[in-house]
Amino acid sequence: MFSGIVQETGKVIEFLKEKDIYNLSIDSSSEFISGLKKGASVSVNGVCLTVKDANPEVLRFDLVEETIKRTNFQKINAGDNVNLERSLKMGDEIGGHLVSGHIHGTSKVISIDMRDESWDVEFSVEPFMQDYILHKGYVAINGCSLTVGEISKESFMIHLIPETLSITNLFQLQQNSIVNVELDQNTIVIADTVKKYLDGKS
């Protein structure tokens, strides 16, 4: 599990396919990788990936085709910046909301309104997401825990503060950029429970 509070960005060194496995290598700070064990979980752009090496000099992961199809790793290239977060430990402060690292789908940037210090970013909504993205609810974008602003059937708005823009890779967003979306699991459970109840009443 993760908190959705990105700790730093890393740079993609290499992203190659060998047979049916994709090999991803990422350069990160020595502080971030310190003490990492083989098999540890790391959130990369919101995707929970498993570390291949003990005490690594660089982060290396294996990805399968299903992960590529479901995420914005379809568009990733060497040199790209990715958001990184190590998994929570017992007793850690949860500054955002609980995030599993299991991506539900992707969204496209429709528009960006760059204000003096903050950005208002409008994202597209896939039809299956509509019931689970609520005004003032939570959503994780590229692994960042964010609060949903205005919503419509076709889109939702996120208001990005300077701190988020300075720490994460969201400052690189442009129109038509593709981002990973993880819906809030609590919202999913509540919405599905209410729907089943209402369906049973009809």
Protein backbone atom coordinates (compact mmCIF):
# COMPACT_ATOMS: atom_id res chain seq x y z
CA MET A 1 0.00 0.00 0.00
CA PHE A 2 1.00 3.60 -0.60
CA SER A 3 -0.11 7.02 0.63
CA GLY A 4 -0.23 8.79 -2.72
CA ILE A 5 2.43 11.26 -1.53
CA VAL A 6 5.16 11.15 -4.16
CA GLN A 7 8.63 11.16 -2.61
CA GLU A 8 10.62 12.09 -5.71
CA THR A 9 10.83 11.70 -9.46
CA GLY A 10 13.19 9.27 -11.12
CA LYS A 11 14.49 9.20 -14.69
CA VAL A 12 13.91 6.25 -16.99
CA ILE A 13 17.27 4.85 -18.09
CA GLU A 14 16.02 1.99 -20.22
CA PHE A 15 12.73 0.39 -21.22
CA LEU A 16 13.15 -2.73 -23.34
CA LYS A 17 11.07 -5.76 -24.25
CA GLU A 18 12.60 -9.22 -24.06
CA LYS A 19 10.22 -11.94 -25.26
CA ASP A 20 7.02 -11.33 -23.24
CA ILE A 21 8.62 -9.26 -20.45
CA TYR A 22 9.37 -5.53 -20.39
CA ASN A 23 12.49 -4.46 -18.48
CA LEU A 24 12.34 -1.04 -16.86
CA SER A 25 15.38 0.67 -15.32
CA ILE A 26 15.08 3.95 -13.40
CA ASP A 27 17.71 6.25 -11.91
CA SER A 28 16.76 7.60 -8.47
CA SER A 29 18.47 9.21 -5.51
CA SER A 30 20.67 7.20 -3.13
CA GLU A 31 18.33 8.21 -0.32
CA PHE A 32 15.33 6.69 -2.09
CA ILE A 33 16.96 3.32 -2.83
CA SER A 34 18.77 3.03 0.52
CA GLY A 35 17.91 -0.28 2.19
CA LEU A 36 15.60 -1.47 -0.59
CA LYS A 37 15.30 -5.25 -0.64
CA LYS A 38 14.68 -7.57 -3.55
CA GLY A 39 10.91 -8.05 -3.83
CA ALA A 40 10.07 -4.67 -2.27
CA SER A 41 7.13 -2.73 -3.71
CA VAL A 42 7.64 0.68 -5.31
CA SER A 43 4.99 2.89 -6.88
CA VAL A 44 6.14 4.06 -10.33
CA ASN A 45 3.70 6.58 -11.82
CA GLY A 46 1.16 5.00 -9.49
CA VAL A 47 1.84 1.41 -10.61
CA CYS A 48 2.94 -1.03 -7.92
CA LEU A 49 6.11 -2.72 -9.22
CA THR A 50 8.46 -5.25 -7.62
CA VAL A 51 12.17 -4.47 -7.15
CA LYS A 52 14.42 -7.03 -8.89
CA ASP A 53 17.66 -6.45 -6.93
CA ALA A 54 18.73 -6.20 -3.31
CA ASN A 55 20.49 -2.94 -2.45
CA PRO A 56 20.22 -1.71 -6.04
CA GLU A 57 22.28 1.03 -7.66
CA VAL A 58 19.37 1.68 -10.01
CA LEU A 59 15.75 0.56 -9.78
CA ARG A 60 14.98 -2.37 -12.06
CA PHE A 61 11.56 -3.91 -12.62
CA ASP A 62 9.87 -6.51 -14.84
CA LEU A 63 6.48 -5.67 -16.36
CA VAL A 64 4.00 -7.86 -18.24
CA GLU A 65 1.90 -6.97 -21.25
CA GLU A 66 -1.27 -6.49 -19.17
CA THR A 67 0.42 -3.71 -17.16
CA ILE A 68 1.54 -1.98 -20.34
CA LYS A 69 -1.94 -2.12 -21.88
CA ARG A 70 -3.65 -0.70 -18.79
CA THR A 71 -1.23 2.17 -18.06
CA ASN A 72 0.64 5.05 -19.63
CA PHE A 73 3.74 2.84 -19.85
CA GLN A 74 2.58 2.44 -23.46
CA LYS A 75 4.09 5.90 -24.02
CA ILE A 76 7.15 5.74 -21.78
CA ASN A 77 10.65 6.39 -23.12
CA ALA A 78 14.20 6.66 -21.86
CA GLY A 79 14.71 10.09 -20.31
CA ASP A 80 11.12 10.42 -19.05
CA ASN A 81 10.51 11.43 -15.44
CA VAL A 82 8.34 9.12 -13.33
CA ASN A 83 6.83 9.58 -9.87
CA LEU A 84 8.25 7.33 -7.16
CA GLU A 85 6.97 6.29 -3.73
CA ARG A 86 8.14 3.48 -1.47
CA SER A 87 5.50 1.33 0.19
CA LEU A 88 4.10 2.28 3.57
CA LYS A 89 5.49 0.84 6.78
CA MET A 90 3.47 0.26 9.92
CA GLY A 91 3.09 3.57 11.72
CA ASP A 92 3.83 5.78 8.72
CA GLU A 93 1.77 8.93 8.38
CA ILE A 94 -0.77 8.77 5.55
CA GLY A 95 -0.65 12.26 4.13
CA GLY A 96 -2.89 11.50 1.16
CA HIS A 97 -5.21 8.49 0.96
CA LEU A 98 -4.55 4.75 0.78
CA VAL A 99 -3.46 3.81 -2.72
CA SER A 100 -2.96 0.21 -3.83
CA GLY A 101 -0.90 0.76 -6.96
CA HIS A 102 -3.45 -1.13 -9.07
CA ILE A 103 -4.34 1.17 -11.95
CA HIS A 104 -7.96 1.17 -13.11
CA GLY A 105 -7.32 2.94 -16.40
CA THR A 106 -5.95 6.05 -18.03
CA SER A 107 -7.24 9.56 -18.69
CA LYS A 108 -6.24 12.19 -21.22
CA VAL A 109 -5.53 15.83 -20.42
CA ILE A 110 -8.24 17.92 -22.08
CA SER A 111 -7.03 21.36 -21.03
CA ILE A 112 -4.65 23.14 -18.66
CA ASP A 113 -5.25 26.58 -17.16
CA MET A 114 -1.90 27.80 -15.82
CA ARG A 115 -2.54 30.45 -13.18
CA ASP A 116 0.10 32.47 -11.34
CA GLU A 117 1.26 29.57 -9.16
CA SER A 118 -1.36 26.83 -9.55
CA TRP A 119 -2.79 24.83 -12.44
CA ASP A 120 -6.36 23.75 -13.17
CA VAL A 121 -6.18 20.55 -15.22
CA GLU A 122 -9.20 18.94 -16.89
CA PHE A 123 -9.05 15.18 -17.50
CA SER A 124 -11.25 12.90 -19.59
CA VAL A 125 -13.38 10.23 -17.91
CA GLU A 126 -13.79 6.70 -19.23
CA PRO A 127 -17.46 5.60 -18.93
CA PHE A 128 -16.77 2.97 -16.25
CA MET A 129 -15.15 5.63 -14.02
CA GLN A 130 -18.11 8.01 -13.96
CA ASP A 131 -19.81 6.56 -10.86
CA TYR A 132 -16.57 6.62 -8.84
CA ILE A 133 -15.19 10.10 -9.42
CA LEU A 134 -16.99 12.44 -7.04
CA HIS A 135 -16.66 16.14 -6.29
CA LYS A 136 -14.25 16.51 -3.32
CA GLY A 137 -13.49 12.78 -3.52
CA TYR A 138 -10.06 11.22 -3.94
CA VAL A 139 -8.30 10.03 -7.07
CA ALA A 140 -4.68 9.09 -7.72
CA ILE A 141 -3.10 10.55 -10.87
CA ASN A 142 0.31 9.05 -11.75
CA GLY A 143 0.42 7.93 -8.12
CA CYS A 144 -0.39 11.38 -6.65
CA SER A 145 -3.24 11.55 -4.15
CA LEU A 146 -5.44 14.42 -5.35
CA THR A 147 -8.85 15.89 -4.56
CA VAL A 148 -11.39 16.04 -7.37
CA GLY A 149 -12.75 19.48 -8.26
CA GLU A 150 -15.57 20.12 -10.70
CA ILE A 151 -16.97 17.10 -12.55
CA SER A 152 -19.16 16.39 -15.56
CA LYS A 153 -20.10 13.26 -17.49
CA GLU A 154 -17.13 13.73 -19.79
CA SER A 155 -14.42 15.12 -17.50
CA PHE A 156 -13.15 16.04 -14.05
CA MET A 157 -10.96 18.88 -12.81
CA ILE A 158 -7.90 18.73 -10.59
CA HIS A 159 -6.40 21.84 -8.99
CA LEU A 160 -2.61 21.48 -8.65
CA ILE A 161 -0.80 23.50 -5.99
CA PRO A 162 2.86 24.64 -6.30
CA GLU A 163 4.11 21.91 -3.93
CA THR A 164 2.62 19.15 -6.10
CA LEU A 165 3.99 20.72 -9.27
CA SER A 166 7.48 21.02 -7.77
CA ILE A 167 7.78 17.45 -6.43
CA THR A 168 6.00 15.36 -9.09
CA ASN A 169 6.10 14.92 -12.85
CA LEU A 170 2.69 16.57 -13.25
CA PHE A 171 4.42 19.84 -14.16
CA GLN A 172 5.21 18.18 -17.50
CA LEU A 173 1.55 17.64 -18.40
CA GLN A 174 0.39 18.99 -21.74
CA GLN A 175 -2.85 18.78 -23.67
CA ASN A 176 -3.44 15.13 -24.69
CA SER A 177 -0.95 13.78 -22.13
CA ILE A 178 -1.99 10.34 -20.83
CA VAL A 179 -2.01 9.73 -17.07
CA ASN A 180 -2.57 6.67 -14.89
CA VAL A 181 -5.74 6.74 -12.81
CA GLU A 182 -6.45 4.76 -9.65
CA LEU A 183 -9.94 5.27 -8.28
CA ASP A 184 -10.52 5.45 -4.54
CA GLN A 185 -11.41 1.95 -3.34
CA ASN A 186 -13.69 3.22 -0.56
CA THR A 187 -15.69 5.21 -3.12
CA ILE A 188 -15.98 2.12 -5.33
CA VAL A 189 -17.30 -0.02 -2.45
CA ILE A 190 -19.85 2.58 -1.34
CA ALA A 191 -21.07 3.34 -4.87
CA ASP A 192 -21.41 -0.34 -5.79
CA THR A 193 -23.19 -1.14 -2.51
CA VAL A 194 -25.70 1.66 -3.04
CA LYS A 195 -26.27 0.58 -6.66
CA LYS A 196 -26.93 -3.04 -5.63
CA TYR A 197 -29.32 -1.85 -2.92
CA LEU A 198 -31.24 0.39 -5.34
CA ASP A 199 -31.34 -2.34 -7.99
CA GLY A 200 -32.80 -4.68 -5.40
CA LYS A 201 -35.47 -2.16 -4.48
CA SER A 202 -36.68 -1.74 -8.07
